[in-house]
PDB file of N, CA and C in Angstrom:
ATOM      1  N   MET A   1      10.036 -15.739   3.081  1.00  0.00           N
ATOM      2  CA  MET A   1       9.923 -14.788   4.045  1.00  0.00           C
ATOM      3  C   MET A   1      10.897 -13.978   4.942  1.00  0.00           C
ATOM      4  N   ALA A   2      10.532 -12.873   5.558  1.00  0.00           N
ATOM      5  CA  ALA A   2      11.663 -11.883   5.823  1.00  0.00           C
ATOM      6  C   ALA A   2      11.706 -12.334   7.607  1.00  0.00           C
ATOM      7  N   ASP A   3      12.710 -12.162   7.758  1.00  0.00           N
ATOM      8  CA  ASP A   3      12.367 -12.827   9.933  1.00  0.00           C
ATOM      9  C   ASP A   3      13.272 -11.339  10.759  1.00  0.00           C
ATOM     10  N   LYS A   4      13.002 -10.069   9.387  1.00  0.00           N
ATOM     11  CA  LYS A   4      12.919  -8.460  10.388  1.00  0.00           C
ATOM     12  C   LYS A   4      12.523  -7.627   9.696  1.00  0.00           C
ATOM     13  N   ILE A   5      12.075  -6.785  10.475  1.00  0.00           N
ATOM     14  CA  ILE A   5      11.089  -5.057   9.754  1.00  0.00           C
ATOM     15  C   ILE A   5      12.679  -4.389   9.287  1.00  0.00           C
ATOM     16  N   ASN A   6      12.385  -4.086   8.147  1.00  0.00           N
ATOM     17  CA  ASN A   6      13.751  -2.619   7.998  1.00  0.00           C
ATOM     18  C   ASN A   6      12.877  -1.475   8.091  1.00  0.00           C
ATOM     19  N   TYR A   7      13.731  -0.471   8.997  1.00  0.00           N
ATOM     20  CA  TYR A   7      13.044   0.759   9.005  1.00  0.00           C
ATOM     21  C   TYR A   7      14.224   1.701   9.281  1.00  0.00           C
ATOM     22  N   GLY A   8      13.752   2.859   9.160  1.00  0.00           N
ATOM     23  CA  GLY A   8      14.696   4.019   9.437  1.00  0.00           C
ATOM     24  C   GLY A   8      14.418   5.239  10.207  1.00  0.00           C
ATOM     25  N   VAL A   9      15.126   5.896  10.646  1.00  0.00           N
ATOM     26  CA  VAL A   9      15.187   6.867  11.544  1.00  0.00           C
ATOM     27  C   VAL A   9      15.705   8.259  10.616  1.00  0.00           C
ATOM     28  N   PHE A  10      14.126   9.447  10.235  1.00  0.00           N
ATOM     29  CA  PHE A  10      13.709  10.389   9.689  1.00  0.00           C
ATOM     30  C   PHE A  10      14.067  11.618  10.094  1.00  0.00           C
ATOM     31  N   PRO A  11      14.479  12.657   9.950  1.00  0.00           N
ATOM     32  CA  PRO A  11      13.932  14.153  10.551  1.00  0.00           C
ATOM     33  C   PRO A  11      12.609  14.777  10.210  1.00  0.00           C
ATOM     34  N   ASN A  12      11.683  14.959  10.882  1.00  0.00           N
ATOM     35  CA  ASN A  12      10.867  15.026  10.134  1.00  0.00           C
ATOM     36  C   ASN A  12      11.255  16.701   9.477  1.00  0.00           C
ATOM     37  N   PRO A  13      10.647  17.295   8.402  1.00  0.00           N
ATOM     38  CA  PRO A  13      11.097  18.589   7.947  1.00  0.00           C
ATOM     39  C   PRO A  13      10.765  19.777   8.215  1.00  0.00           C
ATOM     40  N   LEU A  14       9.531  20.035   9.534  1.00  0.00           N
ATOM     41  CA  LEU A  14       9.029  20.859   9.880  1.00  0.00           C
ATOM     42  C   LEU A  14       9.779  21.059  11.535  1.00  0.00           C
ATOM     43  N   PRO A  15      10.521  21.613  12.012  1.00  0.00           N
ATOM     44  CA  PRO A  15      11.170  21.627  13.458  1.00  0.00           C
ATOM     45  C   PRO A  15       9.603  21.465  14.342  1.00  0.00           C
ATOM     46  N   ASP A  16       9.893  21.333  15.744  1.00  0.00           N
ATOM     47  CA  ASP A  16       8.488  21.496  16.720  1.00  0.00           C
ATOM     48  C   ASP A  16       8.308  22.647  17.155  1.00  0.00           C
ATOM     49  N   ALA A  17       7.411  22.778  17.635  1.00  0.00           N
ATOM     50  CA  ALA A  17       6.994  24.572  18.257  1.00  0.00           C
ATOM     51  C   ALA A  17       8.513  25.050  19.022  1.00  0.00           C
ATOM     52  N   GLU A  18       9.318  24.481  19.650  1.00  0.00           N
ATOM     53  CA  GLU A  18      10.629  25.073  20.261  1.00  0.00           C
ATOM     54  C   GLU A  18      11.838  24.775  19.428  1.00  0.00           C
ATOM     55  N   GLY A  19      11.224  24.751  18.158  1.00  0.00           N
ATOM     56  CA  GLY A  19      12.008  24.981  16.933  1.00  0.00           C
ATOM     57  C   GLY A  19      13.294  24.067  17.061  1.00  0.00           C
ATOM     58  N   LYS A  20      12.646  22.459  17.715  1.00  0.00           N
ATOM     59  CA  LYS A  20      13.876  21.582  17.936  1.00  0.00           C
ATOM     60  C   LYS A  20      13.199  20.443  16.746  1.00  0.00           C
ATOM     61  N   THR A  21      14.821  20.140  16.251  1.00  0.00           N
ATOM     62  CA  THR A  21      14.391  19.037  15.060  1.00  0.00           C
ATOM     63  C   THR A  21      13.711  17.719  15.838  1.00  0.00           C
ATOM     64  N   THR A  22      12.749  17.138  14.866  1.00  0.00           N
ATOM     65  CA  THR A  22      12.020  15.896  15.902  1.00  0.00           C
ATOM     66  C   THR A  22      12.635  14.744  14.621  1.00  0.00           C
ATOM     67  N   TYR A  23      12.121  13.229  14.956  1.00  0.00           N
ATOM     68  CA  TYR A  23      12.607  12.438  14.449  1.00  0.00           C
ATOM     69  C   TYR A  23      11.293  11.261  14.240  1.00  0.00           C
ATOM     70  N   GLN A  24      11.407  10.652  12.886  1.00  0.00           N
ATOM     71  CA  GLN A  24       9.700   9.307  12.896  1.00  0.00           C
ATOM     72  C   GLN A  24      10.423   8.265  12.108  1.00  0.00           C
ATOM     73  N   VAL A  25       9.718   7.242  12.481  1.00  0.00           N
ATOM     74  CA  VAL A  25      10.507   6.069  12.226  1.00  0.00           C
ATOM     75  C   VAL A  25       9.630   5.472  11.171  1.00  0.00           C
ATOM     76  N   ARG A  26      10.196   4.953   9.993  1.00  0.00           N
ATOM     77  CA  ARG A  26       9.202   4.813   9.072  1.00  0.00           C
ATOM     78  C   ARG A  26       9.944   3.034   8.297  1.00  0.00           C
ATOM     79  N   HIS A  27       8.734   2.902   7.857  1.00  0.00           N
ATOM     80  CA  HIS A  27       9.403   1.513   7.327  1.00  0.00           C
ATOM     81  C   HIS A  27       9.849   1.408   5.727  1.00  0.00           C
ATOM     82  N   ILE A  28      11.096   0.600   5.596  1.00  0.00           N
ATOM     83  CA  ILE A  28      11.418   0.570   4.984  1.00  0.00           C
ATOM     84  C   ILE A  28      11.353  -0.553   3.716  1.00  0.00           C
ATOM     85  N   PRO A  29      10.172  -0.418   2.836  1.00  0.00           N
ATOM     86  CA  PRO A  29      10.436  -1.900   1.792  1.00  0.00           C
ATOM     87  C   PRO A  29      11.163  -2.413   1.411  1.00  0.00           C
ATOM     88  N   ASN A  30      11.161  -2.875   1.376  1.00  0.00           N
ATOM     89  CA  ASN A  30      12.170  -4.718   0.447  1.00  0.00           C
ATOM     90  C   ASN A  30      11.441  -4.999  -1.279  1.00  0.00           C
ATOM     91  N   GLY A  31      11.002  -3.650  -1.939  1.00  0.00           N
ATOM     92  CA  GLY A  31      11.032  -3.685  -3.183  1.00  0.00           C
ATOM     93  C   GLY A  31       9.374  -3.621  -3.067  1.00  0.00           C
ATOM     94  N   THR A  32       8.611  -3.895  -4.325  1.00  0.00           N
ATOM     95  CA  THR A  32       7.078  -3.908  -4.737  1.00  0.00           C
ATOM     96  C   THR A  32       6.887  -4.684  -5.161  1.00  0.00           C
ATOM     97  N   MET A  33       6.112  -6.014  -5.003  1.00  0.00           N
ATOM     98  CA  MET A  33       5.282  -7.099  -5.800  1.00  0.00           C
ATOM     99  C   MET A  33       4.012  -6.263  -6.638  1.00  0.00           C
ATOM    100  N   SER A  34       4.375  -6.931  -7.672  1.00  0.00           N
ATOM    101  CA  SER A  34       3.653  -6.446  -8.806  1.00  0.00           C
ATOM    102  C   SER A  34       2.064  -7.794  -8.696  1.00  0.00           C
ATOM    103  N   GLU A  35       1.277  -7.372  -9.485  1.00  0.00           N
ATOM    104  CA  GLU A  35       0.080  -7.797  -9.340  1.00  0.00           C
ATOM    105  C   GLU A  35       0.354  -9.484  -9.982  1.00  0.00           C
ATOM    106  N   LYS A  36       1.301  -9.105 -11.318  1.00  0.00           N
ATOM    107  CA  LYS A  36       1.291 -10.456 -12.131  1.00  0.00           C
ATOM    108  C   LYS A  36       2.338 -11.259 -11.163  1.00  0.00           C
ATOM    109  N   GLY A  37       3.114 -10.768 -10.129  1.00  0.00           N
ATOM    110  CA  GLY A  37       4.042 -11.306  -9.335  1.00  0.00           C
ATOM    111  C   GLY A  37       2.886 -12.565  -8.388  1.00  0.00           C
ATOM    112  N   PHE A  38       2.129 -11.412  -7.841  1.00  0.00           N
ATOM    113  CA  PHE A  38       1.105 -11.689  -6.658  1.00  0.00           C
ATOM    114  C   PHE A  38       0.392 -12.693  -6.995  1.00  0.00           C
ATOM    115  N   LEU A  39      -0.043 -12.847  -8.360  1.00  0.00           N
ATOM    116  CA  LEU A  39      -0.758 -13.856  -9.140  1.00  0.00           C
ATOM    117  C   LEU A  39      -0.258 -15.226  -8.747  1.00  0.00           C
ATOM    118  N   ALA A  40       1.116 -15.144  -9.549  1.00  0.00           N
ATOM    119  CA  ALA A  40       1.966 -16.713  -9.510  1.00  0.00           C
ATOM    120  C   ALA A  40       2.328 -16.529  -8.091  1.00  0.00           C
ATOM    121  N   HIS A  41       2.598 -15.912  -7.158  1.00  0.00           N
ATOM    122  CA  HIS A  41       2.466 -16.585  -5.585  1.00  0.00           C
ATOM    123  C   HIS A  41       1.593 -17.272  -5.575  1.00  0.00           C
ATOM    124  N   LEU A  42       0.292 -16.583  -5.710  1.00  0.00           N
ATOM    125  CA  LEU A  42      -1.118 -17.179  -5.187  1.00  0.00           C
ATOM    126  C   LEU A  42      -0.938 -18.571  -5.759  1.00  0.00           C
ATOM    127  N   LYS A  43      -0.972 -18.625  -7.225  1.00  0.00           N
ATOM    128  CA  LYS A  43      -0.868 -20.143  -7.730  1.00  0.00           C
ATOM    129  C   LYS A  43      -0.144 -21.003  -7.158  1.00  0.00           C
ATOM    130  N   TYR A  44       1.049 -20.591  -6.756  1.00  0.00           N
ATOM    131  CA  TYR A  44       2.365 -21.912  -6.145  1.00  0.00           C
ATOM    132  C   TYR A  44       1.299 -21.577  -5.020  1.00  0.00           C
ATOM    133  N   HIS A  45       0.780 -21.403  -4.497  1.00  0.00           N
ATOM    134  CA  HIS A  45       0.776 -21.374  -2.749  1.00  0.00           C
ATOM    135  C   HIS A  45      -0.945 -22.016  -2.402  1.00  0.00           C
ATOM    136  N   ASN A  46      -2.022 -21.940  -3.556  1.00  0.00           N
ATOM    137  CA  ASN A  46      -3.038 -22.399  -3.738  1.00  0.00           C
ATOM    138  C   ASN A  46      -3.536 -22.878  -4.635  1.00  0.00           C
ATOM    139  N   THR A  47      -4.827 -23.594  -4.733  1.00  0.00           N
ATOM    140  CA  THR A  47      -5.401 -24.704  -5.757  1.00  0.00           C
ATOM    141  C   THR A  47      -6.276 -23.455  -6.566  1.00  0.00           C
ATOM    142  N   TYR A  48      -6.955 -22.211  -6.146  1.00  0.00           N
ATOM    143  CA  TYR A  48      -7.351 -21.268  -7.007  1.00  0.00           C
ATOM    144  C   TYR A  48      -6.577 -20.961  -8.713  1.00  0.00           C
ATOM    145  N   ASN A  49      -7.439 -21.139  -9.567  1.00  0.00           N
ATOM    146  CA  ASN A  49      -7.018 -20.923 -10.690  1.00  0.00           C
ATOM    147  C   ASN A  49      -6.666 -19.096 -10.693  1.00  0.00           C
ATOM    148  N   THR A  50      -5.700 -18.631 -11.968  1.00  0.00           N
ATOM    149  CA  THR A  50      -5.553 -17.514 -11.773  1.00  0.00           C
ATOM    150  C   THR A  50      -6.365 -16.263 -12.347  1.00  0.00           C
ATOM    151  N   THR A  51      -7.218 -16.807 -13.221  1.00  0.00           N
ATOM    152  CA  THR A  51      -9.043 -16.095 -13.388  1.00  0.00           C
ATOM    153  C   THR A  51      -9.456 -15.587 -12.340  1.00  0.00           C
ATOM    154  N   THR A  52      -9.965 -16.471 -11.638  1.00  0.00           N
ATOM    155  CA  THR A  52     -10.667 -16.322 -10.119  1.00  0.00           C
ATOM    156  C   THR A  52      -9.914 -15.602  -9.232  1.00  0.00           C
ATOM    157  N   MET A  53      -8.796 -16.084  -9.047  1.00  0.00           N
ATOM    158  CA  MET A  53      -8.442 -14.830  -8.390  1.00  0.00           C
ATOM    159  C   MET A  53      -8.023 -13.414  -8.683  1.00  0.00           C
ATOM    160  N   MET A  54      -8.098 -13.088  -9.855  1.00  0.00           N
ATOM    161  CA  MET A  54      -7.363 -12.030 -10.509  1.00  0.00           C
ATOM    162  C   MET A  54      -9.080 -11.055 -10.769  1.00  0.00           C
ATOM    163  N   SER A  55      -9.979 -12.199 -10.646  1.00  0.00           N
ATOM    164  CA  SER A  55     -11.863 -11.712 -10.853  1.00  0.00           C
ATOM    165  C   SER A  55     -11.738 -11.171  -9.507  1.00  0.00           C
ATOM    166  N   SER A  56     -11.481 -11.837  -8.160  1.00  0.00           N
ATOM    167  CA  SER A  56     -11.464 -10.990  -6.858  1.00  0.00           C
ATOM    168  C   SER A  56     -11.117  -9.838  -6.275  1.00  0.00           C
ATOM    169  N   LEU A  57      -9.865  -9.701  -7.104  1.00  0.00           N
ATOM    170  CA  LEU A  57      -8.866  -9.090  -6.673  1.00  0.00           C
ATOM    171  C   LEU A  57      -9.664  -7.527  -7.333  1.00  0.00           C
ATOM    172  N   CYS A  58      -9.887  -7.639  -8.624  1.00  0.00           N
ATOM    173  CA  CYS A  58     -10.520  -6.814  -9.481  1.00  0.00           C
ATOM    174  C   CYS A  58     -11.727  -6.365  -8.445  1.00  0.00           C
ATOM    175  N   VAL A  59     -12.862  -6.970  -8.023  1.00  0.00           N
ATOM    176  CA  VAL A  59     -13.834  -6.911  -7.212  1.00  0.00           C
ATOM    177  C   VAL A  59     -13.317  -6.284  -6.167  1.00  0.00           C
ATOM    178  N   LEU A  60     -12.821  -6.502  -5.233  1.00  0.00           N
ATOM    179  CA  LEU A  60     -12.265  -5.881  -4.016  1.00  0.00           C
ATOM    180  C   LEU A  60     -11.406  -4.561  -4.534  1.00  0.00           C
ATOM    181  N   ARG A  61     -10.517  -4.269  -5.384  1.00  0.00           N
ATOM    182  CA  ARG A  61     -10.158  -2.967  -5.349  1.00  0.00           C
ATOM    183  C   ARG A  61     -11.091  -2.027  -5.725  1.00  0.00           C
ATOM    184  N   ASP A  62     -11.986  -2.807  -6.600  1.00  0.00           N
ATOM    185  CA  ASP A  62     -13.263  -1.583  -6.834  1.00  0.00           C
ATOM    186  C   ASP A  62     -14.479  -0.922  -5.561  1.00  0.00           C
ATOM    187  N   GLU A  63     -14.173  -2.295  -4.816  1.00  0.00           N
ATOM    188  CA  GLU A  63     -15.335  -1.889  -3.858  1.00  0.00           C
ATOM    189  C   GLU A  63     -14.395  -0.940  -2.726  1.00  0.00           C
ATOM    190  N   ILE A  64     -13.534  -1.339  -2.642  1.00  0.00           N
ATOM    191  CA  ILE A  64     -12.249  -0.209  -1.752  1.00  0.00           C
ATOM    192  C   ILE A  64     -12.367   1.326  -2.137  1.00  0.00           C
ATOM    193  N   ILE A  65     -12.135   1.065  -3.844  1.00  0.00           N
ATOM    194  CA  ILE A  65     -12.221   2.594  -4.141  1.00  0.00           C
ATOM    195  C   ILE A  65     -13.587   3.128  -3.533  1.00  0.00           C
ATOM    196  N   GLU A  66     -14.329   2.346  -4.338  1.00  0.00           N
ATOM    197  CA  GLU A  66     -15.839   2.969  -4.054  1.00  0.00           C
ATOM    198  C   GLU A  66     -16.216   3.222  -2.543  1.00  0.00           C
ATOM    199  N   GLN A  67     -15.649   2.435  -1.442  1.00  0.00           N
ATOM    200  CA  GLN A  67     -15.949   3.069  -0.251  1.00  0.00           C
ATOM    201  C   GLN A  67     -15.197   4.445   0.309  1.00  0.00           C
ATOM    202  N   LEU A  68     -13.905   4.620  -0.006  1.00  0.00           N
ATOM    203  CA  LEU A  68     -12.781   5.631  -0.016  1.00  0.00           C
ATOM    204  C   LEU A  68     -13.741   6.641  -0.917  1.00  0.00           C
ATOM    205  N   ARG A  69     -14.354   6.700  -2.154  1.00  0.00           N
ATOM    206  CA  ARG A  69     -14.901   7.978  -2.723  1.00  0.00           C
ATOM    207  C   ARG A  69     -15.782   7.904  -1.808  1.00  0.00           C
ATOM    208  N   GLU A  70     -16.572   7.384  -0.901  1.00  0.00           N
ATOM    209  CA  GLU A  70     -17.352   7.968   0.217  1.00  0.00           C
ATOM    210  C   GLU A  70     -17.375   8.084   1.370  1.00  0.00           C
ATOM    211  N   ASN A  71     -15.978   8.858   1.423  1.00  0.00           N
ATOM    212  CA  ASN A  71     -15.210   9.171   2.243  1.00  0.00           C
ATOM    213  C   ASN A  71     -15.345   7.985   3.779  1.00  0.00           C
ATOM    214  N   ARG A  72     -15.764   6.808   3.559  1.00  0.00           N
ATOM    215  CA  ARG A  72     -15.522   6.274   4.781  1.00  0.00           C
ATOM    216  C   ARG A  72     -13.744   5.198   4.919  1.00  0.00           C
ATOM    217  N   ARG A  73     -13.481   4.816   5.873  1.00  0.00           N
ATOM    218  CA  ARG A  73     -12.507   3.815   5.927  1.00  0.00           C
ATOM    219  C   ARG A  73     -13.356   2.526   5.060  1.00  0.00           C
ATOM    220  N   PHE A  74     -12.510   1.706   5.318  1.00  0.00           N
ATOM    221  CA  PHE A  74     -12.527   0.150   4.708  1.00  0.00           C
ATOM    222  C   PHE A  74     -11.720  -0.266   5.464  1.00  0.00           C
ATOM    223  N   ARG A  75     -12.595  -1.417   6.360  1.00  0.00           N
ATOM    224  CA  ARG A  75     -11.612  -2.316   7.035  1.00  0.00           C
ATOM    225  C   ARG A  75     -11.561  -3.899   6.799  1.00  0.00           C
ATOM    226  N   ILE A  76     -10.887  -4.660   6.412  1.00  0.00           N
ATOM    227  CA  ILE A  76     -10.581  -5.961   6.460  1.00  0.00           C
ATOM    228  C   ILE A  76      -9.564  -6.480   7.166  1.00  0.00           C
ATOM    229  N   ASP A  77     -10.850  -7.298   7.968  1.00  0.00           N
ATOM    230  CA  ASP A  77      -9.716  -8.338   9.517  1.00  0.00           C
ATOM    231  C   ASP A  77      -8.894  -9.165   8.862  1.00  0.00           C
ATOM    232  N   GLY A  78      -7.753  -9.353   9.111  1.00  0.00           N
ATOM    233  CA  GLY A  78      -6.629  -9.933   9.196  1.00  0.00           C
ATOM    234  C   GLY A  78      -5.477  -8.923   8.156  1.00  0.00           C
ATOM    235  N   ILE A  79      -6.076  -8.093   7.541  1.00  0.00           N
ATOM    236  CA  ILE A  79      -5.526  -7.112   6.883  1.00  0.00           C
ATOM    237  C   ILE A  79      -4.784  -5.655   7.355  1.00  0.00           C
ATOM    238  N   GLY A  80      -6.444  -5.011   7.540  1.00  0.00           N
ATOM    239  CA  GLY A  80      -5.861  -3.769   7.837  1.00  0.00           C
ATOM    240  C   GLY A  80      -6.980  -2.689   7.480  1.00  0.00           C
ATOM    241  N   THR A  81      -6.787  -1.685   7.693  1.00  0.00           N
ATOM    242  CA  THR A  81      -7.688  -0.458   7.319  1.00  0.00           C
ATOM    243  C   THR A  81      -7.706   0.390   5.953  1.00  0.00           C
ATOM    244  N   PHE A  82      -8.240   0.732   5.476  1.00  0.00           N
ATOM    245  CA  PHE A  82      -8.143   1.550   4.120  1.00  0.00           C
ATOM    246  C   PHE A  82      -8.293   2.837   4.316  1.00  0.00           C
ATOM    247  N   GLN A  83      -7.713   4.159   4.314  1.00  0.00           N
ATOM    248  CA  GLN A  83      -8.738   5.005   4.581  1.00  0.00           C
ATOM    249  C   GLN A  83      -7.755   6.154   3.483  1.00  0.00           C
ATOM    250  N   MET A  84      -8.667   7.249   3.416  1.00  0.00           N
ATOM    251  CA  MET A  84      -7.519   7.954   2.157  1.00  0.00           C
ATOM    252  C   MET A  84      -6.731   9.632   3.581  1.00  0.00           C
ATOM    253  N   LYS A  85      -5.410   9.286   3.168  1.00  0.00           N
ATOM    254  CA  LYS A  85      -4.955  10.534   3.560  1.00  0.00           C
ATOM    255  C   LYS A  85      -4.774  11.707   2.479  1.00  0.00           C
ATOM    256  N   VAL A  86      -4.929  12.857   2.841  1.00  0.00           N
ATOM    257  CA  VAL A  86      -4.937  14.054   2.768  1.00  0.00           C
ATOM    258  C   VAL A  86      -3.095  14.637   2.784  1.00  0.00           C
ATOM    259  N   GLY A  87      -3.082  15.045   1.843  1.00  0.00           N
ATOM    260  CA  GLY A  87      -1.797  16.064   2.597  1.00  0.00           C
ATOM    261  C   GLY A  87      -1.695  17.239   1.200  1.00  0.00           C
ATOM    262  N   LEU A  88      -0.643  18.153   1.758  1.00  0.00           N
ATOM    263  CA  LEU A  88       0.024  19.336   1.126  1.00  0.00           C
ATOM    264  C   LEU A  88       1.246  18.697   0.101  1.00  0.00           C
ATOM    265  N   ILE A  89       1.202  19.569  -0.627  1.00  0.00           N
ATOM    266  CA  ILE A  89       2.673  19.452  -1.754  1.00  0.00           C
ATOM    267  C   ILE A  89       2.921  20.957  -1.291  1.00  0.00           C
ATOM    268  N   THR A  90       4.660  21.006  -1.253  1.00  0.00           N
ATOM    269  CA  THR A  90       4.654  22.303  -1.042  1.00  0.00           C
ATOM    270  C   THR A  90       5.803  22.429  -2.117  1.00  0.00           C
ATOM    271  N   TRP A  91       5.634  23.881  -2.804  1.00  0.00           N
ATOM    272  CA  TRP A  91       6.736  24.120  -3.714  1.00  0.00           C
ATOM    273  C   TRP A  91       6.941  25.501  -3.616  1.00  0.00           C
ATOM    274  N   ARG A  92       8.625  26.099  -4.114  1.00  0.00           N
ATOM    275  CA  ARG A  92       8.678  26.905  -3.983  1.00  0.00           C
ATOM    276  C   ARG A  92       8.583  27.634  -5.014  1.00  0.00           C
ATOM    277  N   CYS A  93       8.438  29.153  -5.177  1.00  0.00           N
ATOM    278  CA  CYS A  93       7.720  29.436  -6.770  1.00  0.00           C
ATOM    279  C   CYS A  93       8.782  30.709  -6.678  1.00  0.00           C
ATOM    280  N   ARG A  94       8.969  30.664  -8.342  1.00  0.00           N
ATOM    281  CA  ARG A  94       9.837  32.420  -8.295  1.00  0.00           C
ATOM    282  C   ARG A  94       8.807  33.084  -8.839  1.00  0.00           C
ATOM    283  N   VAL A  95       8.431  34.022  -8.319  1.00  0.00           N
ATOM    284  CA  VAL A  95       7.180  35.480  -8.930  1.00  0.00           C
ATOM    285  C   VAL A  95       7.750  36.467  -9.605  1.00  0.00           C
ATOM    286  N   SER A  96       7.300  36.324 -10.720  1.00  0.00           N
ATOM    287  CA  SER A  96       7.548  37.070 -12.100  1.00  0.00           C
ATOM    288  C   SER A  96       6.377  38.428 -12.114  1.00  0.00           C
ATOM    289  N   ALA A  97       6.305  39.127 -12.801  1.00  0.00           N
ATOM    290  CA  ALA A  97       5.355  40.260 -13.128  1.00  0.00           C
ATOM    291  C   ALA A  97       3.767  39.405 -13.839  1.00  0.00           C
ATOM    292  N   SER A  98       4.743  38.128 -14.933  1.00  0.00           N
ATOM    293  CA  SER A  98       3.464  37.726 -15.258  1.00  0.00           C
ATOM    294  C   SER A  98       2.559  36.597 -14.344  1.00  0.00           C
ATOM    295  N   ARG A  99       3.436  35.550 -13.947  1.00  0.00           N
ATOM    296  CA  ARG A  99       2.671  34.462 -13.550  1.00  0.00           C
ATOM    297  C   ARG A  99       4.271  33.987 -12.423  1.00  0.00           C
ATOM    298  N   PRO A 100       3.645  32.970 -11.225  1.00  0.00           N
ATOM    299  CA  PRO A 100       4.618  32.359 -10.484  1.00  0.00           C
ATOM    300  C   PRO A 100       4.878  30.781 -11.270  1.00  0.00           C
ATOM    301  N   THR A 101       6.264  30.887 -11.151  1.00  0.00           N
ATOM    302  CA  THR A 101       7.088  29.329 -11.976  1.00  0.00           C
ATOM    303  C   THR A 101       7.750  28.577 -10.818  1.00  0.00           C
ATOM    304  N   PRO A 102       6.913  27.238 -10.813  1.00  0.00           N
ATOM    305  CA  PRO A 102       7.716  26.707  -9.539  1.00  0.00           C
ATOM    306  C   PRO A 102       9.216  26.190 -10.122  1.00  0.00           C
ATOM    307  N   VAL A 103       9.607  26.128  -8.777  1.00  0.00           N
ATOM    308  CA  VAL A 103      11.859  25.750  -8.603  1.00  0.00           C
ATOM    309  C   VAL A 103      11.771  24.761  -8.274  1.00  0.00           C
ATOM    310  N   SER A 104      12.884  23.771  -9.106  1.00  0.00           N
ATOM    311  CA  SER A 104      13.006  22.793  -8.875  1.00  0.00           C
ATOM    312  C   SER A 104      14.256  22.212  -7.467  1.00  0.00           C
TER     313      SER A 104
END
């Protein structure tokens, strides 16, 4: 178990109303646990069999997706709230007579 939370301070991409750079604090994860690794971890820490745990996770996943598709938040006590996040992807274009082309 980690004894501290890893974080970093990053500049926001857009300046504030006065043109000044603002900053945000973001969590820096220590990797990503796979489903297989998670099931192995659960097996080590409790007596449920892997099939039962996998079935439970599948039902939970399906229910979260269903609620999000219905534009609802989904709250699980002790875990947190799941909700949709909408964002914009910005990309620069090179405009020609025929059509815009993304520039990387």
